Amino acid sequence: MRKFALLAAVAAAAVATPAAAEDEGGEFRAEVRGGVIWVEDFSEATLGAAVGYDFDLGETAFAGVELSGDKILVEGADVLIGTT
């Protein structure tokens, strides 16, 4: 299981990239991510995805919104939905 979790994390890092649609006022983005959770003697892989939009506030600042979903890869685990 740890080999799978490591492979998932590396693959997710390689896939995370901004979306192609872009204009002067901001930028859409999408990402896929993976990881591993550890709790005492238990470890399991996680997988998630997010989409968002970043608003350009000048040369040194931006603000954005994001919707994400993450899941621990075990049977019966729910998808956790988040917004920022």
N, C-alpha and C. Protein backbone atom coordinates (compact mmCIF):
# COMPACT_ATOMS: atom_id res chain seq x y z
N MET A 1 0.82 -1.19 0.00
CA MET A 1 0.00 0.00 0.00
C MET A 1 0.86 1.25 0.00
N ARG A 2 1.99 1.23 0.69
CA ARG A 2 2.84 2.42 0.74
C ARG A 2 3.44 2.73 -0.63
N LYS A 3 3.76 1.70 -1.41
CA LYS A 3 4.28 1.95 -2.76
C LYS A 3 3.22 2.63 -3.62
N PHE A 4 1.96 2.18 -3.49
CA PHE A 4 0.87 2.80 -4.24
C PHE A 4 0.69 4.26 -3.82
N ALA A 5 0.75 4.52 -2.52
CA ALA A 5 0.56 5.88 -2.01
C ALA A 5 1.67 6.79 -2.51
N LEU A 6 2.90 6.32 -2.51
CA LEU A 6 4.02 7.12 -3.01
C LEU A 6 3.86 7.38 -4.50
N LEU A 7 3.48 6.37 -5.26
CA LEU A 7 3.25 6.53 -6.69
C LEU A 7 2.13 7.52 -6.95
N ALA A 8 1.05 7.45 -6.18
CA ALA A 8 -0.07 8.39 -6.34
C ALA A 8 0.37 9.82 -6.05
N ALA A 9 1.18 10.01 -5.03
CA ALA A 9 1.65 11.35 -4.69
C ALA A 9 2.54 11.93 -5.79
N VAL A 10 3.44 11.12 -6.32
CA VAL A 10 4.32 11.57 -7.40
C VAL A 10 3.51 11.88 -8.66
N ALA A 11 2.56 11.02 -8.99
CA ALA A 11 1.73 11.25 -10.18
C ALA A 11 0.89 12.50 -10.03
N ALA A 12 0.34 12.73 -8.86
CA ALA A 12 -0.47 13.93 -8.64
C ALA A 12 0.37 15.19 -8.75
N ALA A 13 1.58 15.16 -8.26
CA ALA A 13 2.45 16.33 -8.37
C ALA A 13 2.80 16.61 -9.83
N ALA A 14 2.95 15.57 -10.61
CA ALA A 14 3.28 15.76 -12.03
C ALA A 14 2.09 16.27 -12.83
N VAL A 15 0.87 15.98 -12.39
CA VAL A 15 -0.33 16.36 -13.14
C VAL A 15 -0.81 17.76 -12.78
N ALA A 16 -0.50 18.27 -11.59
CA ALA A 16 -1.00 19.58 -11.16
C ALA A 16 -0.46 20.67 -12.08
N THR A 17 -1.35 21.32 -12.79
CA THR A 17 -0.95 22.35 -13.74
C THR A 17 -2.10 23.33 -13.94
N PRO A 18 -1.80 24.59 -14.23
CA PRO A 18 -2.89 25.54 -14.48
C PRO A 18 -3.66 25.17 -15.74
N ALA A 19 -4.95 25.49 -15.77
CA ALA A 19 -5.76 25.26 -16.96
C ALA A 19 -5.33 26.21 -18.06
N ALA A 20 -5.65 25.87 -19.30
CA ALA A 20 -5.19 26.66 -20.45
C ALA A 20 -5.95 27.97 -20.62
N ALA A 21 -7.19 28.07 -20.15
CA ALA A 21 -7.99 29.28 -20.35
C ALA A 21 -7.47 30.40 -19.45
N GLU A 22 -7.10 31.53 -20.05
CA GLU A 22 -6.58 32.66 -19.30
C GLU A 22 -6.95 33.95 -20.00
N ASP A 23 -7.24 35.00 -19.23
CA ASP A 23 -7.49 36.31 -19.82
C ASP A 23 -6.80 37.37 -18.96
N GLU A 24 -6.98 38.63 -19.31
CA GLU A 24 -6.32 39.72 -18.61
C GLU A 24 -6.76 39.87 -17.15
N GLY A 25 -8.03 39.55 -16.83
CA GLY A 25 -8.56 39.79 -15.49
C GLY A 25 -8.31 38.68 -14.49
N GLY A 26 -7.94 37.50 -14.93
CA GLY A 26 -7.74 36.40 -14.01
C GLY A 26 -7.41 35.12 -14.73
N GLU A 27 -7.46 34.02 -13.98
CA GLU A 27 -7.01 32.75 -14.53
C GLU A 27 -7.76 31.59 -13.88
N PHE A 28 -8.33 30.69 -14.71
CA PHE A 28 -8.91 29.44 -14.22
C PHE A 28 -7.78 28.47 -13.95
N ARG A 29 -8.00 27.57 -13.00
CA ARG A 29 -7.00 26.53 -12.73
C ARG A 29 -7.69 25.26 -12.27
N ALA A 30 -7.00 24.15 -12.49
CA ALA A 30 -7.49 22.84 -12.05
C ALA A 30 -6.29 22.04 -11.57
N GLU A 31 -6.50 21.19 -10.58
CA GLU A 31 -5.40 20.37 -10.07
C GLU A 31 -5.91 19.02 -9.60
N VAL A 32 -5.01 18.07 -9.62
CA VAL A 32 -5.23 16.74 -9.05
C VAL A 32 -4.11 16.53 -8.05
N ARG A 33 -4.45 16.00 -6.88
CA ARG A 33 -3.42 15.83 -5.86
C ARG A 33 -3.59 14.48 -5.17
N GLY A 34 -2.51 14.01 -4.61
CA GLY A 34 -2.53 12.76 -3.87
C GLY A 34 -1.64 12.86 -2.66
N GLY A 35 -1.81 11.94 -1.74
CA GLY A 35 -1.00 11.96 -0.54
C GLY A 35 -1.21 10.73 0.30
N VAL A 36 -0.70 10.78 1.51
CA VAL A 36 -0.80 9.67 2.45
C VAL A 36 -1.16 10.24 3.81
N ILE A 37 -2.05 9.56 4.53
CA ILE A 37 -2.35 9.94 5.92
C ILE A 37 -1.76 8.87 6.84
N TRP A 38 -1.30 9.28 8.00
CA TRP A 38 -0.79 8.37 9.01
C TRP A 38 -1.47 8.68 10.33
N VAL A 39 -2.01 7.65 10.97
CA VAL A 39 -2.57 7.77 12.32
C VAL A 39 -2.12 6.53 13.08
N GLU A 40 -1.20 6.70 14.01
CA GLU A 40 -0.62 5.61 14.78
C GLU A 40 -0.15 4.49 13.85
N ASP A 41 -0.81 3.32 13.85
CA ASP A 41 -0.37 2.18 13.03
C ASP A 41 -1.11 2.09 11.70
N PHE A 42 -1.87 3.10 11.35
CA PHE A 42 -2.70 3.08 10.14
C PHE A 42 -2.16 4.09 9.13
N SER A 43 -2.04 3.67 7.87
CA SER A 43 -1.69 4.61 6.80
C SER A 43 -2.51 4.25 5.57
N GLU A 44 -2.90 5.27 4.82
CA GLU A 44 -3.72 5.05 3.64
C GLU A 44 -3.51 6.19 2.66
N ALA A 45 -3.70 5.88 1.37
CA ALA A 45 -3.54 6.88 0.32
C ALA A 45 -4.76 7.79 0.25
N THR A 46 -4.55 9.01 -0.22
CA THR A 46 -5.64 9.97 -0.46
C THR A 46 -5.54 10.48 -1.89
N LEU A 47 -6.66 10.92 -2.42
CA LEU A 47 -6.71 11.47 -3.77
C LEU A 47 -7.71 12.62 -3.76
N GLY A 48 -7.39 13.69 -4.48
CA GLY A 48 -8.29 14.83 -4.51
C GLY A 48 -8.16 15.61 -5.81
N ALA A 49 -9.10 16.53 -6.00
CA ALA A 49 -9.09 17.40 -7.17
C ALA A 49 -9.68 18.74 -6.76
N ALA A 50 -9.31 19.79 -7.48
CA ALA A 50 -9.83 21.12 -7.19
C ALA A 50 -9.89 21.93 -8.48
N VAL A 51 -10.83 22.86 -8.52
CA VAL A 51 -10.92 23.85 -9.59
C VAL A 51 -11.07 25.21 -8.92
N GLY A 52 -10.55 26.24 -9.59
CA GLY A 52 -10.64 27.56 -9.00
C GLY A 52 -10.43 28.65 -10.02
N TYR A 53 -10.59 29.88 -9.55
CA TYR A 53 -10.37 31.05 -10.39
C TYR A 53 -9.62 32.08 -9.55
N ASP A 54 -8.53 32.60 -10.08
CA ASP A 54 -7.74 33.62 -9.41
C ASP A 54 -7.95 34.96 -10.10
N PHE A 55 -8.25 36.00 -9.31
CA PHE A 55 -8.45 37.35 -9.82
C PHE A 55 -7.16 38.14 -9.66
N ASP A 56 -6.73 38.80 -10.71
CA ASP A 56 -5.52 39.61 -10.68
C ASP A 56 -5.80 40.93 -9.98
N LEU A 57 -5.05 41.23 -8.91
CA LEU A 57 -5.22 42.48 -8.17
C LEU A 57 -4.02 43.41 -8.34
N GLY A 58 -3.28 43.23 -9.38
CA GLY A 58 -2.08 44.03 -9.61
C GLY A 58 -0.88 43.14 -9.82
N GLU A 59 0.29 43.76 -9.82
CA GLU A 59 1.51 43.00 -10.10
C GLU A 59 1.95 42.09 -8.96
N THR A 60 1.53 42.39 -7.74
CA THR A 60 2.03 41.62 -6.59
C THR A 60 0.95 40.93 -5.76
N ALA A 61 -0.30 40.94 -6.22
CA ALA A 61 -1.36 40.34 -5.40
C ALA A 61 -2.44 39.71 -6.26
N PHE A 62 -3.13 38.72 -5.69
CA PHE A 62 -4.29 38.10 -6.33
C PHE A 62 -5.23 37.60 -5.24
N ALA A 63 -6.48 37.37 -5.61
CA ALA A 63 -7.47 36.76 -4.73
C ALA A 63 -8.18 35.70 -5.55
N GLY A 64 -8.65 34.65 -4.91
CA GLY A 64 -9.28 33.58 -5.68
C GLY A 64 -10.33 32.82 -4.91
N VAL A 65 -11.04 31.98 -5.64
CA VAL A 65 -12.03 31.06 -5.07
C VAL A 65 -11.68 29.66 -5.54
N GLU A 66 -12.05 28.66 -4.73
CA GLU A 66 -11.70 27.27 -5.07
C GLU A 66 -12.77 26.33 -4.54
N LEU A 67 -13.05 25.28 -5.30
CA LEU A 67 -13.92 24.19 -4.89
C LEU A 67 -13.09 22.91 -5.00
N SER A 68 -13.06 22.11 -3.93
CA SER A 68 -12.23 20.92 -3.94
C SER A 68 -12.97 19.72 -3.38
N GLY A 69 -12.49 18.54 -3.74
CA GLY A 69 -12.99 17.28 -3.21
C GLY A 69 -11.82 16.36 -2.93
N ASP A 70 -11.80 15.74 -1.75
CA ASP A 70 -10.72 14.83 -1.37
C ASP A 70 -11.31 13.56 -0.77
N LYS A 71 -10.63 12.42 -0.98
CA LYS A 71 -11.13 11.13 -0.49
C LYS A 71 -9.97 10.29 0.01
N ILE A 72 -10.17 9.67 1.17
CA ILE A 72 -9.25 8.64 1.65
C ILE A 72 -9.62 7.38 0.89
N LEU A 73 -8.65 6.71 0.31
CA LEU A 73 -8.91 5.58 -0.57
C LEU A 73 -9.14 4.27 0.20
N VAL A 74 -10.20 4.26 1.01
CA VAL A 74 -10.66 3.06 1.69
C VAL A 74 -12.15 2.92 1.45
N GLU A 75 -12.62 1.70 1.45
CA GLU A 75 -14.05 1.45 1.22
C GLU A 75 -14.89 2.11 2.31
N GLY A 76 -15.92 2.80 1.89
CA GLY A 76 -16.83 3.45 2.83
C GLY A 76 -16.47 4.88 3.21
N ALA A 77 -15.31 5.37 2.79
CA ALA A 77 -14.92 6.74 3.12
C ALA A 77 -15.66 7.72 2.22
N ASP A 78 -16.13 8.81 2.80
CA ASP A 78 -16.84 9.84 2.04
C ASP A 78 -15.86 10.80 1.37
N VAL A 79 -16.33 11.45 0.31
CA VAL A 79 -15.58 12.53 -0.32
C VAL A 79 -15.80 13.78 0.52
N LEU A 80 -14.72 14.45 0.89
CA LEU A 80 -14.82 15.69 1.65
C LEU A 80 -14.79 16.86 0.67
N ILE A 81 -15.82 17.69 0.71
CA ILE A 81 -15.93 18.84 -0.18
C ILE A 81 -15.48 20.08 0.59
N GLY A 82 -14.66 20.90 -0.06
CA GLY A 82 -14.19 22.13 0.58
C GLY A 82 -14.28 23.31 -0.36
N THR A 83 -14.42 24.50 0.22
CA THR A 83 -14.40 25.74 -0.55
C THR A 83 -13.49 26.73 0.15
N THR A 84 -12.85 27.56 -0.63
CA THR A 84 -12.04 28.64 -0.08
C THR A 84 -12.20 29.87 -0.93
